[in-house]
Amino acid sequence: MNDAQQPVIRLTDGIWFKGGPVEWSLPAMKIFEGQWCAVIPDGPDPVVDPASAIAQIFATLSPPIRGVVELLGNDIFRLPYRDLQRLRSRLGYVQGYGGLLSNRTIKENIALPLSVHGNLSIGQESTLINNFLNNFSLSQVGDFQPHEVDGYTRWRACIARAMVLSPKSFILEGIGDWEMDRGRGVAWTRIREYHEQGNVAVIICLSRQNPEFELWFEQHGGLIVKYSRHNSNSIMGSLQD
């Protein structure tokens, strides 16, 4: 890795965060454009899911207990609100199966980031949204509301919405429908394609170990970092340049 290249995401000294009643440690790490990384708990499966807590930190929504999180060279939790909002337009966040607005259609949900942060004409926006509906096999349900489709369809819609602004940082909470087709379905095909463009850093946050996924992920060039309970004697795993 080129030392002069700025990492998309950097944890200088690691971070500490809370998932339910448990405190966790994630080691120092750097993630550059073209890399994708899965962060996975070390040891027994936790009782309370910690993936949401760590995903929200990377998505700039919640600060860690301790430690500095840098996104595109910015200490995100020290930024003024306006600058943080601008930075958020450069990241995509998929919140498990949720996060879609219940009073908007699938199509309107995907269009939401464009209406807030985009700078396209009505025609350009319409063309882009229709392309995303086609690419994610959502054209037939574009006018449905989230409660009218199943969870896997909602997850695909969340991915499409997170990608619509071509973010530099892409955060996934969980692996969605990976276990249905071992990464060969529409959703994971689009995630792999986006990662392979080489100008985005991808973080996948898991709540428990998944040996099958971990093997598949490493075979596809993924990097795995383990996060540990805060009172562990050692913090396992590291991701350096």
C-alpha atoms as a PDB file:
ATOM      1  CA  MET A   1       0.000   0.000   0.000  1.00  0.00           C
ATOM      2  CA  ASN A   2       1.283   3.447  -0.898  1.00  0.00           C
ATOM      3  CA  ASP A   3       2.218   5.258   2.311  1.00  0.00           C
ATOM      4  CA  ALA A   4       1.246   8.570   0.711  1.00  0.00           C
ATOM      5  CA  GLN A   5      -2.322   7.426   0.048  1.00  0.00           C
ATOM      6  CA  GLN A   6      -4.866   8.681   2.557  1.00  0.00           C
ATOM      7  CA  PRO A   7      -6.965   5.932   4.123  1.00  0.00           C
ATOM      8  CA  VAL A   8     -10.703   6.263   3.706  1.00  0.00           C
ATOM      9  CA  ILE A   9     -11.198   5.068   7.285  1.00  0.00           C
ATOM     10  CA  ARG A  10      -8.653   5.120  10.081  1.00  0.00           C
ATOM     11  CA  LEU A  11      -8.725   4.159  13.743  1.00  0.00           C
ATOM     12  CA  THR A  12      -5.412   5.518  14.980  1.00  0.00           C
ATOM     13  CA  ASP A  13      -5.271   3.761  18.348  1.00  0.00           C
ATOM     14  CA  GLY A  14      -8.353   1.579  18.134  1.00  0.00           C
ATOM     15  CA  ILE A  15     -11.747   2.320  19.647  1.00  0.00           C
ATOM     16  CA  TRP A  16     -13.867   1.129  22.545  1.00  0.00           C
ATOM     17  CA  PHE A  17     -17.632   0.918  22.210  1.00  0.00           C
ATOM     18  CA  LYS A  18     -20.611  -0.541  24.022  1.00  0.00           C
ATOM     19  CA  GLY A  19     -22.925  -3.213  22.633  1.00  0.00           C
ATOM     20  CA  GLY A  20     -25.680  -3.843  25.163  1.00  0.00           C
ATOM     21  CA  PRO A  21     -24.103  -4.291  28.623  1.00  0.00           C
ATOM     22  CA  VAL A  22     -20.713  -5.299  27.164  1.00  0.00           C
ATOM     23  CA  GLU A  23     -17.814  -3.047  26.215  1.00  0.00           C
ATOM     24  CA  TRP A  24     -15.822  -4.033  23.143  1.00  0.00           C
ATOM     25  CA  SER A  25     -12.425  -3.148  21.687  1.00  0.00           C
ATOM     26  CA  LEU A  26     -11.602  -2.772  17.999  1.00  0.00           C
ATOM     27  CA  PRO A  27      -7.874  -2.453  17.187  1.00  0.00           C
ATOM     28  CA  ALA A  28      -6.052   0.240  15.243  1.00  0.00           C
ATOM     29  CA  MET A  29      -6.820  -0.128  11.531  1.00  0.00           C
ATOM     30  CA  LYS A  30      -6.634   1.608   8.175  1.00  0.00           C
ATOM     31  CA  ILE A  31      -8.892   0.889   5.223  1.00  0.00           C
ATOM     32  CA  PHE A  32      -8.012   2.303   1.818  1.00  0.00           C
ATOM     33  CA  GLU A  33      -9.886   2.641  -1.447  1.00  0.00           C
ATOM     34  CA  GLY A  34     -10.343  -0.758  -3.046  1.00  0.00           C
ATOM     35  CA  GLN A  35     -10.292  -2.660   0.246  1.00  0.00           C
ATOM     36  CA  TRP A  36     -13.156  -4.364   1.963  1.00  0.00           C
ATOM     37  CA  CYS A  37     -13.105  -5.485   5.544  1.00  0.00           C
ATOM     38  CA  ALA A  38     -15.353  -7.531   7.815  1.00  0.00           C
ATOM     39  CA  VAL A  39     -15.270  -6.794  11.552  1.00  0.00           C
ATOM     40  CA  ILE A  40     -16.284  -9.841  13.568  1.00  0.00           C
ATOM     41  CA  PRO A  41     -16.423 -10.530  17.328  1.00  0.00           C
ATOM     42  CA  ASP A  42     -13.772 -12.793  18.767  1.00  0.00           C
ATOM     43  CA  GLY A  43     -14.839 -15.603  21.082  1.00  0.00           C
ATOM     44  CA  PRO A  44     -18.342 -16.895  21.919  1.00  0.00           C
ATOM     45  CA  ASP A  45     -21.411 -15.366  20.310  1.00  0.00           C
ATOM     46  CA  PRO A  46     -22.518 -12.303  22.306  1.00  0.00           C
ATOM     47  CA  VAL A  47     -25.919 -12.264  23.956  1.00  0.00           C
ATOM     48  CA  VAL A  48     -26.647  -8.730  22.715  1.00  0.00           C
ATOM     49  CA  ASP A  49     -25.918  -7.881  19.064  1.00  0.00           C
ATOM     50  CA  PRO A  50     -22.917  -5.491  18.905  1.00  0.00           C
ATOM     51  CA  ALA A  51     -22.928  -5.103  15.091  1.00  0.00           C
ATOM     52  CA  SER A  52     -25.423  -2.244  15.152  1.00  0.00           C
ATOM     53  CA  ALA A  53     -23.320  -0.257  17.635  1.00  0.00           C
ATOM     54  CA  ILE A  54     -20.120  -0.550  15.611  1.00  0.00           C
ATOM     55  CA  ALA A  55     -21.876   0.118  12.288  1.00  0.00           C
ATOM     56  CA  GLN A  56     -23.364   3.336  13.682  1.00  0.00           C
ATOM     57  CA  ILE A  57     -19.891   4.496  14.701  1.00  0.00           C
ATOM     58  CA  PHE A  58     -18.533   4.012  11.180  1.00  0.00           C
ATOM     59  CA  ALA A  59     -21.682   5.678   9.812  1.00  0.00           C
ATOM     60  CA  THR A  60     -20.969   8.802  11.963  1.00  0.00           C
ATOM     61  CA  LEU A  61     -24.201   8.343  13.944  1.00  0.00           C
ATOM     62  CA  SER A  62     -22.789   7.455  17.357  1.00  0.00           C
ATOM     63  CA  PRO A  63     -19.363   8.147  18.916  1.00  0.00           C
ATOM     64  CA  PRO A  64     -17.244   5.438  20.526  1.00  0.00           C
ATOM     65  CA  ILE A  65     -16.607   5.395  24.261  1.00  0.00           C
ATOM     66  CA  ARG A  66     -12.957   6.095  23.532  1.00  0.00           C
ATOM     67  CA  GLY A  67     -10.798   6.544  20.457  1.00  0.00           C
ATOM     68  CA  VAL A  68     -10.672   8.607  17.267  1.00  0.00           C
ATOM     69  CA  VAL A  69     -12.519   7.676  14.071  1.00  0.00           C
ATOM     70  CA  GLU A  70     -11.293   9.355  10.884  1.00  0.00           C
ATOM     71  CA  LEU A  71     -13.246   9.327   7.633  1.00  0.00           C
ATOM     72  CA  LEU A  72     -11.538  10.779   4.558  1.00  0.00           C
ATOM     73  CA  GLY A  73      -9.014  12.519   6.813  1.00  0.00           C
ATOM     74  CA  ASN A  74     -11.627  14.039   9.159  1.00  0.00           C
ATOM     75  CA  ASP A  75     -12.039  13.303  12.846  1.00  0.00           C
ATOM     76  CA  ILE A  76     -15.749  12.794  12.355  1.00  0.00           C
ATOM     77  CA  PHE A  77     -16.912  13.348  15.918  1.00  0.00           C
ATOM     78  CA  ARG A  78     -15.145  16.708  16.174  1.00  0.00           C
ATOM     79  CA  LEU A  79     -16.638  18.165  12.994  1.00  0.00           C
ATOM     80  CA  PRO A  80     -19.197  20.992  13.061  1.00  0.00           C
ATOM     81  CA  TYR A  81     -22.700  19.788  12.195  1.00  0.00           C
ATOM     82  CA  ARG A  82     -22.723  21.284   8.690  1.00  0.00           C
ATOM     83  CA  ASP A  83     -19.388  19.715   7.765  1.00  0.00           C
ATOM     84  CA  LEU A  84     -20.536  16.375   9.155  1.00  0.00           C
ATOM     85  CA  GLN A  85     -23.663  16.513   6.989  1.00  0.00           C
ATOM     86  CA  ARG A  86     -21.532  17.144   3.908  1.00  0.00           C
ATOM     87  CA  LEU A  87     -19.320  14.218   4.829  1.00  0.00           C
ATOM     88  CA  ARG A  88     -22.328  11.937   5.269  1.00  0.00           C
ATOM     89  CA  SER A  89     -23.225  12.460   1.621  1.00  0.00           C
ATOM     90  CA  ARG A  90     -20.024  10.550   0.813  1.00  0.00           C
ATOM     91  CA  LEU A  91     -20.904   7.398   2.722  1.00  0.00           C
ATOM     92  CA  GLY A  92     -23.545   4.705   2.379  1.00  0.00           C
ATOM     93  CA  TYR A  93     -25.044   2.827   5.322  1.00  0.00           C
ATOM     94  CA  VAL A  94     -27.218  -0.295   5.225  1.00  0.00           C
ATOM     95  CA  GLN A  95     -28.960  -0.774   8.561  1.00  0.00           C
ATOM     96  CA  GLY A  96     -29.775  -4.465   8.641  1.00  0.00           C
ATOM     97  CA  TYR A  97     -33.240  -5.022   7.174  1.00  0.00           C
ATOM     98  CA  GLY A  98     -34.498  -1.677   8.436  1.00  0.00           C
ATOM     99  CA  GLY A  99     -33.985   1.972   7.775  1.00  0.00           C
ATOM    100  CA  LEU A 100     -36.550   2.489   5.006  1.00  0.00           C
ATOM    101  CA  LEU A 101     -39.203   5.152   5.565  1.00  0.00           C
ATOM    102  CA  SER A 102     -42.533   3.400   6.038  1.00  0.00           C
ATOM    103  CA  ASN A 103     -44.606   6.177   4.437  1.00  0.00           C
ATOM    104  CA  ARG A 104     -42.644   6.163   1.163  1.00  0.00           C
ATOM    105  CA  THR A 105     -42.484   3.651  -1.635  1.00  0.00           C
ATOM    106  CA  ILE A 106     -39.399   1.591  -2.428  1.00  0.00           C
ATOM    107  CA  LYS A 107     -38.668   3.923  -5.347  1.00  0.00           C
ATOM    108  CA  GLU A 108     -39.091   7.041  -3.188  1.00  0.00           C
ATOM    109  CA  ASN A 109     -36.803   5.580  -0.530  1.00  0.00           C
ATOM    110  CA  ILE A 110     -34.038   4.984  -3.060  1.00  0.00           C
ATOM    111  CA  ALA A 111     -34.500   8.518  -4.383  1.00  0.00           C
ATOM    112  CA  LEU A 112     -34.251  10.096  -0.922  1.00  0.00           C
ATOM    113  CA  PRO A 113     -30.440  10.659  -0.851  1.00  0.00           C
ATOM    114  CA  LEU A 114     -30.641  12.335  -4.252  1.00  0.00           C
ATOM    115  CA  SER A 115     -33.337  14.730  -3.078  1.00  0.00           C
ATOM    116  CA  VAL A 116     -31.270  15.648   0.000  1.00  0.00           C
ATOM    117  CA  HIS A 117     -27.711  15.646  -1.334  1.00  0.00           C
ATOM    118  CA  GLY A 118     -27.906  15.251  -5.107  1.00  0.00           C
ATOM    119  CA  ASN A 119     -27.626  17.899  -7.804  1.00  0.00           C
ATOM    120  CA  LEU A 120     -29.403  16.315 -10.771  1.00  0.00           C
ATOM    121  CA  SER A 121     -32.207  17.452 -13.022  1.00  0.00           C
ATOM    122  CA  ILE A 122     -35.564  15.717 -12.659  1.00  0.00           C
ATOM    123  CA  GLY A 123     -34.889  13.728 -15.820  1.00  0.00           C
ATOM    124  CA  GLN A 124     -31.414  12.638 -14.712  1.00  0.00           C
ATOM    125  CA  GLU A 125     -32.688  11.636 -11.294  1.00  0.00           C
ATOM    126  CA  SER A 126     -35.550   9.614 -12.788  1.00  0.00           C
ATOM    127  CA  THR A 127     -33.186   7.771 -15.153  1.00  0.00           C
ATOM    128  CA  LEU A 128     -30.737   6.977 -12.355  1.00  0.00           C
ATOM    129  CA  ILE A 129     -33.445   5.664 -10.018  1.00  0.00           C
ATOM    130  CA  ASN A 130     -34.961   3.477 -12.733  1.00  0.00           C
ATOM    131  CA  ASN A 131     -31.511   2.044 -13.455  1.00  0.00           C
ATOM    132  CA  PHE A 132     -31.090   1.172  -9.778  1.00  0.00           C
ATOM    133  CA  LEU A 133     -34.526  -0.434  -9.647  1.00  0.00           C
ATOM    134  CA  ASN A 134     -33.581  -2.595 -12.639  1.00  0.00           C
ATOM    135  CA  ASN A 135     -30.105  -3.475 -11.368  1.00  0.00           C
ATOM    136  CA  PHE A 136     -31.457  -4.604  -7.995  1.00  0.00           C
ATOM    137  CA  SER A 137     -34.478  -6.470  -9.422  1.00  0.00           C
ATOM    138  CA  LEU A 138     -36.844  -4.012  -7.764  1.00  0.00           C
ATOM    139  CA  SER A 139     -38.741  -2.672 -10.789  1.00  0.00           C
ATOM    140  CA  GLN A 140     -41.818  -4.775 -10.024  1.00  0.00           C
ATOM    141  CA  VAL A 141     -42.043  -3.478  -6.443  1.00  0.00           C
ATOM    142  CA  GLY A 142     -40.942   0.139  -6.946  1.00  0.00           C
ATOM    143  CA  ASP A 143     -44.407   1.478  -6.100  1.00  0.00           C
ATOM    144  CA  PHE A 144     -44.833  -0.761  -3.048  1.00  0.00           C
ATOM    145  CA  GLN A 145     -44.273   0.433   0.496  1.00  0.00           C
ATOM    146  CA  PRO A 146     -41.698  -1.378   2.677  1.00  0.00           C
ATOM    147  CA  HIS A 147     -44.308  -3.303   4.705  1.00  0.00           C
ATOM    148  CA  GLU A 148     -45.683  -4.772   1.458  1.00  0.00           C
ATOM    149  CA  VAL A 149     -42.468  -6.635   0.573  1.00  0.00           C
ATOM    150  CA  ASP A 150     -40.347  -9.232   2.358  1.00  0.00           C
ATOM    151  CA  GLY A 151     -37.201  -8.561   4.369  1.00  0.00           C
ATOM    152  CA  TYR A 152     -34.773  -9.573   1.638  1.00  0.00           C
ATOM    153  CA  THR A 153     -36.434  -7.167  -0.789  1.00  0.00           C
ATOM    154  CA  ARG A 154     -36.199  -4.389   1.785  1.00  0.00           C
ATOM    155  CA  TRP A 155     -32.505  -5.196   2.240  1.00  0.00           C
ATOM    156  CA  ARG A 156     -31.885  -4.897  -1.516  1.00  0.00           C
ATOM    157  CA  ALA A 157     -33.687  -1.547  -1.455  1.00  0.00           C
ATOM    158  CA  CYS A 158     -31.485  -0.398   1.440  1.00  0.00           C
ATOM    159  CA  ILE A 159     -28.366  -1.327  -0.531  1.00  0.00           C
ATOM    160  CA  ALA A 160     -29.609   0.478  -3.624  1.00  0.00           C
ATOM    161  CA  ARG A 161     -30.371   3.587  -1.577  1.00  0.00           C
ATOM    162  CA  ALA A 162     -26.935   3.468   0.085  1.00  0.00           C
ATOM    163  CA  MET A 163     -25.180   3.204  -3.289  1.00  0.00           C
ATOM    164  CA  VAL A 164     -27.149   5.788  -5.229  1.00  0.00           C
ATOM    165  CA  LEU A 165     -24.725   8.646  -4.460  1.00  0.00           C
ATOM    166  CA  SER A 166     -21.635   6.494  -5.227  1.00  0.00           C
ATOM    167  CA  PRO A 167     -20.230   6.758  -1.675  1.00  0.00           C
ATOM    168  CA  LYS A 168     -16.543   6.525  -0.822  1.00  0.00           C
ATOM    169  CA  SER A 169     -17.303   4.573   2.358  1.00  0.00           C
ATOM    170  CA  PHE A 170     -19.914   1.816   2.390  1.00  0.00           C
ATOM    171  CA  ILE A 171     -21.041   0.249   5.691  1.00  0.00           C
ATOM    172  CA  LEU A 172     -23.112  -2.925   5.954  1.00  0.00           C
ATOM    173  CA  GLU A 173     -24.733  -4.049   9.192  1.00  0.00           C
ATOM    174  CA  GLY A 174     -24.932  -7.820   8.814  1.00  0.00           C
ATOM    175  CA  ILE A 175     -24.753  -9.955   5.672  1.00  0.00           C
ATOM    176  CA  GLY A 176     -28.428  -9.919   4.688  1.00  0.00           C
ATOM    177  CA  ASP A 177     -29.307 -12.705   2.254  1.00  0.00           C
ATOM    178  CA  TRP A 178     -25.765 -14.036   1.778  1.00  0.00           C
ATOM    179  CA  GLU A 179     -26.655 -17.423   3.261  1.00  0.00           C
ATOM    180  CA  MET A 180     -29.462 -17.940   0.720  1.00  0.00           C
ATOM    181  CA  ASP A 181     -27.084 -18.175  -2.232  1.00  0.00           C
ATOM    182  CA  ARG A 182     -23.533 -17.829  -0.841  1.00  0.00           C
ATOM    183  CA  GLY A 183     -22.956 -14.459  -2.500  1.00  0.00           C
ATOM    184  CA  ARG A 184     -24.366 -15.322  -5.925  1.00  0.00           C
ATOM    185  CA  GLY A 185     -27.642 -13.419  -5.650  1.00  0.00           C
ATOM    186  CA  VAL A 186     -28.498  -9.958  -6.912  1.00  0.00           C
ATOM    187  CA  ALA A 187     -27.639  -8.080  -3.724  1.00  0.00           C
ATOM    188  CA  TRP A 188     -24.173  -9.542  -3.202  1.00  0.00           C
ATOM    189  CA  THR A 189     -23.386  -9.415  -6.900  1.00  0.00           C
ATOM    190  CA  ARG A 190     -23.992  -5.653  -6.802  1.00  0.00           C
ATOM    191  CA  ILE A 191     -21.951  -5.281  -3.595  1.00  0.00           C
ATOM    192  CA  ARG A 192     -19.017  -7.155  -5.168  1.00  0.00           C
ATOM    193  CA  GLU A 193     -19.270  -5.125  -8.350  1.00  0.00           C
ATOM    194  CA  TYR A 194     -19.255  -1.886  -6.398  1.00  0.00           C
ATOM    195  CA  HIS A 195     -16.266  -2.972  -4.344  1.00  0.00           C
ATOM    196  CA  GLU A 196     -14.400  -4.075  -7.479  1.00  0.00           C
ATOM    197  CA  GLN A 197     -14.634  -0.571  -8.940  1.00  0.00           C
ATOM    198  CA  GLY A 198     -11.707   0.102  -6.610  1.00  0.00           C
ATOM    199  CA  ASN A 199     -12.590   3.600  -5.392  1.00  0.00           C
ATOM    200  CA  VAL A 200     -14.588   2.698  -2.285  1.00  0.00           C
ATOM    201  CA  ALA A 201     -13.810   1.247   1.139  1.00  0.00           C
ATOM    202  CA  VAL A 202     -16.350  -1.302   2.383  1.00  0.00           C
ATOM    203  CA  ILE A 203     -16.904  -2.347   6.012  1.00  0.00           C
ATOM    204  CA  ILE A 204     -19.175  -5.254   6.926  1.00  0.00           C
ATOM    205  CA  CYS A 205     -20.132  -5.476  10.610  1.00  0.00           C
ATOM    206  CA  LEU A 206     -21.070  -8.912  11.954  1.00  0.00           C
ATOM    207  CA  SER A 207     -22.557  -9.726  15.350  1.00  0.00           C
ATOM    208  CA  ARG A 208     -21.154 -13.247  15.531  1.00  0.00           C
ATOM    209  CA  GLN A 209     -18.635 -15.503  13.852  1.00  0.00           C
ATOM    210  CA  ASN A 210     -19.656 -17.124  10.572  1.00  0.00           C
ATOM    211  CA  PRO A 211     -16.938 -19.522   9.317  1.00  0.00           C
ATOM    212  CA  GLU A 212     -18.591 -20.070   5.920  1.00  0.00           C
ATOM    213  CA  PHE A 213     -18.886 -16.364   5.209  1.00  0.00           C
ATOM    214  CA  GLU A 214     -15.389 -15.651   6.534  1.00  0.00           C
ATOM    215  CA  LEU A 215     -13.878 -18.264   4.197  1.00  0.00           C
ATOM    216  CA  TRP A 216     -15.855 -16.912   1.216  1.00  0.00           C
ATOM    217  CA  PHE A 217     -14.913 -13.338   2.108  1.00  0.00           C
ATOM    218  CA  GLU A 218     -11.191 -14.083   2.331  1.00  0.00           C
ATOM    219  CA  GLN A 219     -11.353 -15.980  -0.976  1.00  0.00           C
ATOM    220  CA  HIS A 220     -12.758 -12.783  -2.514  1.00  0.00           C
ATOM    221  CA  GLY A 221      -9.910 -10.647  -1.185  1.00  0.00           C
ATOM    222  CA  GLY A 222     -11.591  -9.519   2.014  1.00  0.00           C
ATOM    223  CA  LEU A 223      -9.740  -8.598   5.199  1.00  0.00           C
ATOM    224  CA  ILE A 224     -11.050  -9.751   8.567  1.00  0.00           C
ATOM    225  CA  VAL A 225     -10.552  -7.866  11.828  1.00  0.00           C
ATOM    226  CA  LYS A 226     -11.687  -9.322  15.152  1.00  0.00           C
ATOM    227  CA  TYR A 227     -13.086  -7.124  17.903  1.00  0.00           C
ATOM    228  CA  SER A 228     -12.963  -8.299  21.508  1.00  0.00           C
ATOM    229  CA  ARG A 229     -14.674  -7.821  24.826  1.00  0.00           C
ATOM    230  CA  HIS A 230     -13.117  -4.884  26.596  1.00  0.00           C
ATOM    231  CA  ASN A 231     -11.919  -6.935  29.540  1.00  0.00           C
ATOM    232  CA  SER A 232     -10.075  -9.436  27.318  1.00  0.00           C
ATOM    233  CA  ASN A 233      -6.347  -9.828  27.929  1.00  0.00           C
ATOM    234  CA  SER A 234      -5.596  -9.121  24.303  1.00  0.00           C
ATOM    235  CA  ILE A 235      -7.192  -7.444  21.306  1.00  0.00           C
ATOM    236  CA  MET A 236      -7.167  -9.851  18.377  1.00  0.00           C
ATOM    237  CA  GLY A 237      -6.502  -8.855  14.811  1.00  0.00           C
ATOM    238  CA  SER A 238      -5.195  -5.726  13.166  1.00  0.00           C
ATOM    239  CA  LEU A 239      -5.404  -4.067   9.784  1.00  0.00           C
ATOM    240  CA  GLN A 240      -2.369  -1.998   8.871  1.00  0.00           C
ATOM    241  CA  ASP A 241      -1.160  -0.586   5.573  1.00  0.00           C
END
